[in-house]
Amino acid sequence: MVVLRAADYARLAALAEDAEDIVAGRAGLASMEQEGTVPGEVVALIINDGLTPVAAWRRHRGLTQSDLARRAGLSQVWVNRIEAGKGHGTPATRRKLAVALDAPEWALDGLGEADELATEKPIMDKQTFKNEIELQLDHARQTGKTSLLISAGEIHRAVGGYPGSGHRMPICCAALRELADELNADLVSSPPKGNGASLAYRFSF
């Protein structure tokens, strides 16, 4: 049996801990090289300015929402919705955004809840559909359009759950009809059975 003085034991333990720290540090660096890092400016925009990760990365890259939408092959309305925290998009959408922003995909998930977000079911009540319609109308007004054609299929896709067996197309159509009546929109297309993706109205400003 070997007996060590307390001071020698403490020195050896410290060396062992240093070795473990070095191994952990090297592993962390390798992970960063493989998965990417988040620039300090992006972190500051998220913490200090309260921006969502996508908005912070876009600002960091010097892009407009229109630029990002074009690069990612998405609508500007959908990019606006994601940046406002009103939607997260599918995993495929986040991959497109990550490529367009030259950012690690995980860094666009905010608090690292990618798996939870990917499986989260969208809320599909009448108010949610109305909110999406109003968001698109507001964006159209802000960009100087004089009218906007909106279909139920387009709205349901933006909210989520369509196409799919669990869609709520009748509720979506009811929301679209109610807002169309309130804003005196013109009926452009009506499905034979009354409710369907082809239901469309033109809203004029």
Protein backbone atom coordinates (compact mmCIF):
# COMPACT_ATOMS: atom_id res chain seq x y z
CA MET A 1 0.00 0.00 0.00
CA VAL A 2 1.29 3.44 -0.97
CA VAL A 3 0.67 6.29 1.46
CA LEU A 4 0.58 9.86 0.15
CA ARG A 5 0.81 13.06 2.09
CA ALA A 6 -2.32 15.19 1.98
CA ALA A 7 -0.54 17.89 -0.01
CA ASP A 8 0.64 15.37 -2.65
CA TYR A 9 -2.85 13.87 -2.91
CA ALA A 10 -4.38 17.32 -3.40
CA ARG A 11 -1.83 18.13 -6.12
CA LEU A 12 -2.55 14.87 -7.99
CA ALA A 13 -6.32 15.41 -7.71
CA ALA A 14 -5.94 18.92 -9.15
CA LEU A 15 -3.91 17.56 -12.06
CA ALA A 16 -6.58 14.93 -12.73
CA GLU A 17 -9.29 17.60 -12.71
CA ASP A 18 -7.23 19.74 -15.09
CA ALA A 19 -6.91 16.78 -17.44
CA GLU A 20 -10.66 16.22 -17.37
CA ASP A 21 -11.23 19.93 -18.08
CA ILE A 22 -8.87 19.75 -21.04
CA VAL A 23 -10.69 16.73 -22.47
CA ALA A 24 -14.07 18.42 -21.94
CA GLY A 25 -12.78 21.63 -23.50
CA ARG A 26 -11.49 19.81 -26.56
CA ALA A 27 -14.81 18.02 -26.92
CA GLY A 28 -16.63 21.34 -26.69
CA LEU A 29 -14.43 22.91 -29.35
CA ALA A 30 -14.97 19.93 -31.65
CA SER A 31 -18.72 20.23 -31.14
CA MET A 32 -18.59 23.95 -31.92
CA GLU A 33 -16.62 23.32 -35.10
CA GLN A 34 -19.15 20.73 -36.20
CA GLU A 35 -22.38 22.42 -35.14
CA GLY A 36 -21.46 26.10 -35.31
CA THR A 37 -21.56 28.90 -32.75
CA VAL A 38 -23.69 31.97 -32.08
CA PRO A 39 -22.00 35.37 -32.62
CA GLY A 40 -22.02 37.79 -29.70
CA GLU A 41 -24.05 40.31 -31.71
CA VAL A 42 -26.84 37.74 -32.18
CA VAL A 43 -26.85 36.97 -28.45
CA ALA A 44 -27.01 40.68 -27.64
CA LEU A 45 -29.92 41.25 -30.03
CA ILE A 46 -31.84 38.40 -28.41
CA ILE A 47 -31.11 39.42 -24.81
CA ASN A 48 -31.01 43.22 -25.04
CA ASP A 49 -33.45 43.91 -27.89
CA GLY A 50 -35.82 41.00 -27.21
CA LEU A 51 -35.61 39.69 -30.77
CA THR A 52 -36.42 36.10 -31.62
CA PRO A 53 -33.43 34.05 -32.86
CA VAL A 54 -34.50 34.24 -36.53
CA ALA A 55 -34.93 38.02 -36.34
CA ALA A 56 -31.59 38.42 -34.55
CA TRP A 57 -29.72 36.32 -37.13
CA ARG A 58 -31.40 38.21 -39.99
CA ARG A 59 -30.37 41.55 -38.47
CA HIS A 60 -26.84 40.21 -37.95
CA ARG A 61 -26.64 39.23 -41.62
CA GLY A 62 -27.93 42.63 -42.73
CA LEU A 63 -30.99 41.20 -44.47
CA THR A 64 -34.54 42.49 -44.77
CA GLN A 65 -37.48 40.15 -44.23
CA SER A 66 -38.01 40.21 -47.98
CA ASP A 67 -34.38 39.20 -48.56
CA LEU A 68 -34.64 36.32 -46.12
CA ALA A 69 -37.97 35.15 -47.54
CA ARG A 70 -36.52 35.11 -51.05
CA ARG A 71 -33.37 33.23 -49.99
CA ALA A 72 -35.34 30.65 -48.02
CA GLY A 73 -38.09 30.23 -50.61
CA LEU A 74 -40.78 31.29 -48.13
CA SER A 75 -43.43 33.99 -48.11
CA GLN A 76 -42.57 37.22 -46.33
CA VAL A 77 -45.78 36.86 -44.34
CA TRP A 78 -44.57 33.53 -42.97
CA VAL A 79 -41.13 34.95 -42.13
CA ASN A 80 -42.84 37.83 -40.33
CA ARG A 81 -44.98 35.39 -38.39
CA ILE A 82 -41.98 33.33 -37.28
CA GLU A 83 -39.99 36.40 -36.26
CA ALA A 84 -42.94 37.69 -34.25
CA GLY A 85 -43.06 34.42 -32.33
CA LYS A 86 -46.49 33.55 -33.72
CA GLY A 87 -45.25 30.43 -35.46
CA HIS A 88 -42.16 28.23 -35.59
CA GLY A 89 -42.47 26.46 -38.90
CA THR A 90 -41.79 22.83 -39.72
CA PRO A 91 -38.34 21.26 -39.36
CA ALA A 92 -37.97 21.68 -43.14
CA THR A 93 -38.78 25.40 -42.83
CA ARG A 94 -36.17 25.85 -40.09
CA ARG A 95 -33.60 24.09 -42.24
CA LYS A 96 -34.33 26.51 -45.10
CA LEU A 97 -33.97 29.46 -42.75
CA ALA A 98 -30.74 28.09 -41.30
CA VAL A 99 -29.23 27.75 -44.78
CA ALA A 100 -30.45 31.20 -45.83
CA LEU A 101 -28.98 32.76 -42.67
CA ASP A 102 -25.80 30.65 -42.68
CA ALA A 103 -26.63 29.75 -39.09
CA PRO A 104 -26.66 26.48 -37.12
CA GLU A 105 -30.14 25.01 -37.25
CA TRP A 106 -30.22 24.50 -33.48
CA ALA A 107 -29.48 28.20 -32.96
CA LEU A 108 -32.85 29.15 -34.47
CA ASP A 109 -34.80 27.24 -31.85
CA GLY A 110 -34.36 29.78 -29.09
CA LEU A 111 -34.20 27.73 -25.91
CA GLY A 112 -33.29 24.47 -27.65
CA GLU A 113 -36.83 23.12 -27.75
CA ALA A 114 -36.62 21.90 -31.34
CA ASP A 115 -38.09 18.47 -30.68
CA GLU A 116 -40.97 19.93 -28.67
CA LEU A 117 -41.68 22.56 -31.29
CA ALA A 118 -41.52 20.07 -34.13
CA THR A 119 -44.20 17.93 -32.55
CA GLU A 120 -46.34 20.76 -31.17
CA LYS A 121 -49.83 20.75 -32.63
CA PRO A 122 -51.07 24.11 -33.89
CA ILE A 123 -54.09 25.69 -32.26
CA MET A 124 -56.83 25.64 -34.85
CA ASP A 125 -59.75 27.64 -33.46
CA LYS A 126 -61.61 30.42 -35.23
CA GLN A 127 -59.66 33.22 -33.54
CA THR A 128 -56.32 31.72 -34.62
CA PHE A 129 -57.44 31.68 -38.23
CA LYS A 130 -58.73 35.25 -37.92
CA ASN A 131 -55.41 36.36 -36.46
CA GLU A 132 -53.57 34.90 -39.43
CA ILE A 133 -55.90 36.62 -41.90
CA GLU A 134 -55.47 39.95 -40.12
CA LEU A 135 -51.68 39.47 -40.09
CA GLN A 136 -51.66 39.01 -43.85
CA LEU A 137 -53.97 41.98 -44.37
CA ASP A 138 -51.78 44.20 -42.17
CA HIS A 139 -48.68 43.16 -44.10
CA ALA A 140 -50.38 43.91 -47.41
CA ARG A 141 -51.34 47.39 -46.21
CA GLN A 142 -47.84 48.08 -44.91
CA THR A 143 -46.29 47.10 -48.24
CA GLY A 144 -48.59 49.45 -50.16
CA LYS A 145 -50.92 46.94 -51.78
CA THR A 146 -54.42 48.08 -52.67
CA SER A 147 -55.98 44.64 -52.43
CA LEU A 148 -55.20 41.09 -51.37
CA LEU A 149 -56.65 37.77 -52.48
CA ILE A 150 -56.90 35.33 -49.59
CA SER A 151 -57.96 31.71 -49.81
CA ALA A 152 -58.93 29.36 -46.99
CA GLY A 153 -56.29 26.87 -48.11
CA GLU A 154 -53.55 29.49 -47.89
CA ILE A 155 -54.64 30.53 -44.39
CA HIS A 156 -54.88 26.97 -43.10
CA ARG A 157 -51.43 26.11 -44.44
CA ALA A 158 -49.95 29.14 -42.69
CA VAL A 159 -51.55 28.19 -39.37
CA GLY A 160 -50.67 24.52 -39.81
CA GLY A 161 -52.51 21.21 -39.87
CA TYR A 162 -53.39 21.35 -43.56
CA PRO A 163 -53.29 19.29 -45.62
CA GLY A 164 -53.87 16.47 -43.18
CA SER A 165 -56.54 14.27 -41.65
CA GLY A 166 -56.89 16.54 -38.61
CA HIS A 167 -57.54 19.75 -40.52
CA ARG A 168 -60.20 22.27 -39.44
CA MET A 169 -61.16 23.64 -42.84
CA PRO A 170 -64.82 24.37 -41.91
CA ILE A 171 -63.63 26.54 -38.98
CA CYS A 172 -61.08 28.25 -41.21
CA CYS A 173 -63.76 28.99 -43.81
CA ALA A 174 -66.08 30.37 -41.14
CA ALA A 175 -63.33 32.72 -39.92
CA LEU A 176 -62.61 33.88 -43.47
CA ARG A 177 -66.32 34.50 -44.18
CA GLU A 178 -66.80 36.49 -40.98
CA LEU A 179 -63.88 38.82 -41.68
CA ALA A 180 -64.92 39.12 -45.31
CA ASP A 181 -68.39 40.22 -44.21
CA GLU A 182 -66.97 42.70 -41.69
CA LEU A 183 -64.60 44.24 -44.26
CA ASN A 184 -66.91 44.01 -47.28
CA ALA A 185 -64.55 41.76 -49.21
CA ASP A 186 -65.56 40.40 -52.62
CA LEU A 187 -66.19 36.68 -53.01
CA VAL A 188 -63.90 35.30 -55.73
CA SER A 189 -64.31 31.56 -55.40
CA SER A 190 -66.69 29.31 -53.49
CA PRO A 191 -66.38 25.49 -53.25
CA PRO A 192 -69.40 23.44 -54.38
CA LYS A 193 -69.95 22.13 -50.84
CA GLY A 194 -69.50 25.54 -49.21
CA ASN A 195 -66.34 24.81 -47.23
CA GLY A 196 -63.01 24.05 -48.83
CA ALA A 197 -59.50 25.26 -49.58
CA SER A 198 -60.66 27.07 -52.72
CA LEU A 199 -62.89 29.51 -50.81
CA ALA A 200 -61.36 32.90 -51.60
CA TYR A 201 -62.10 36.58 -51.08
CA ARG A 202 -60.45 39.73 -52.36
CA PHE A 203 -59.94 42.37 -49.67
CA SER A 204 -59.54 45.94 -50.88
CA PHE A 205 -57.89 48.75 -48.89
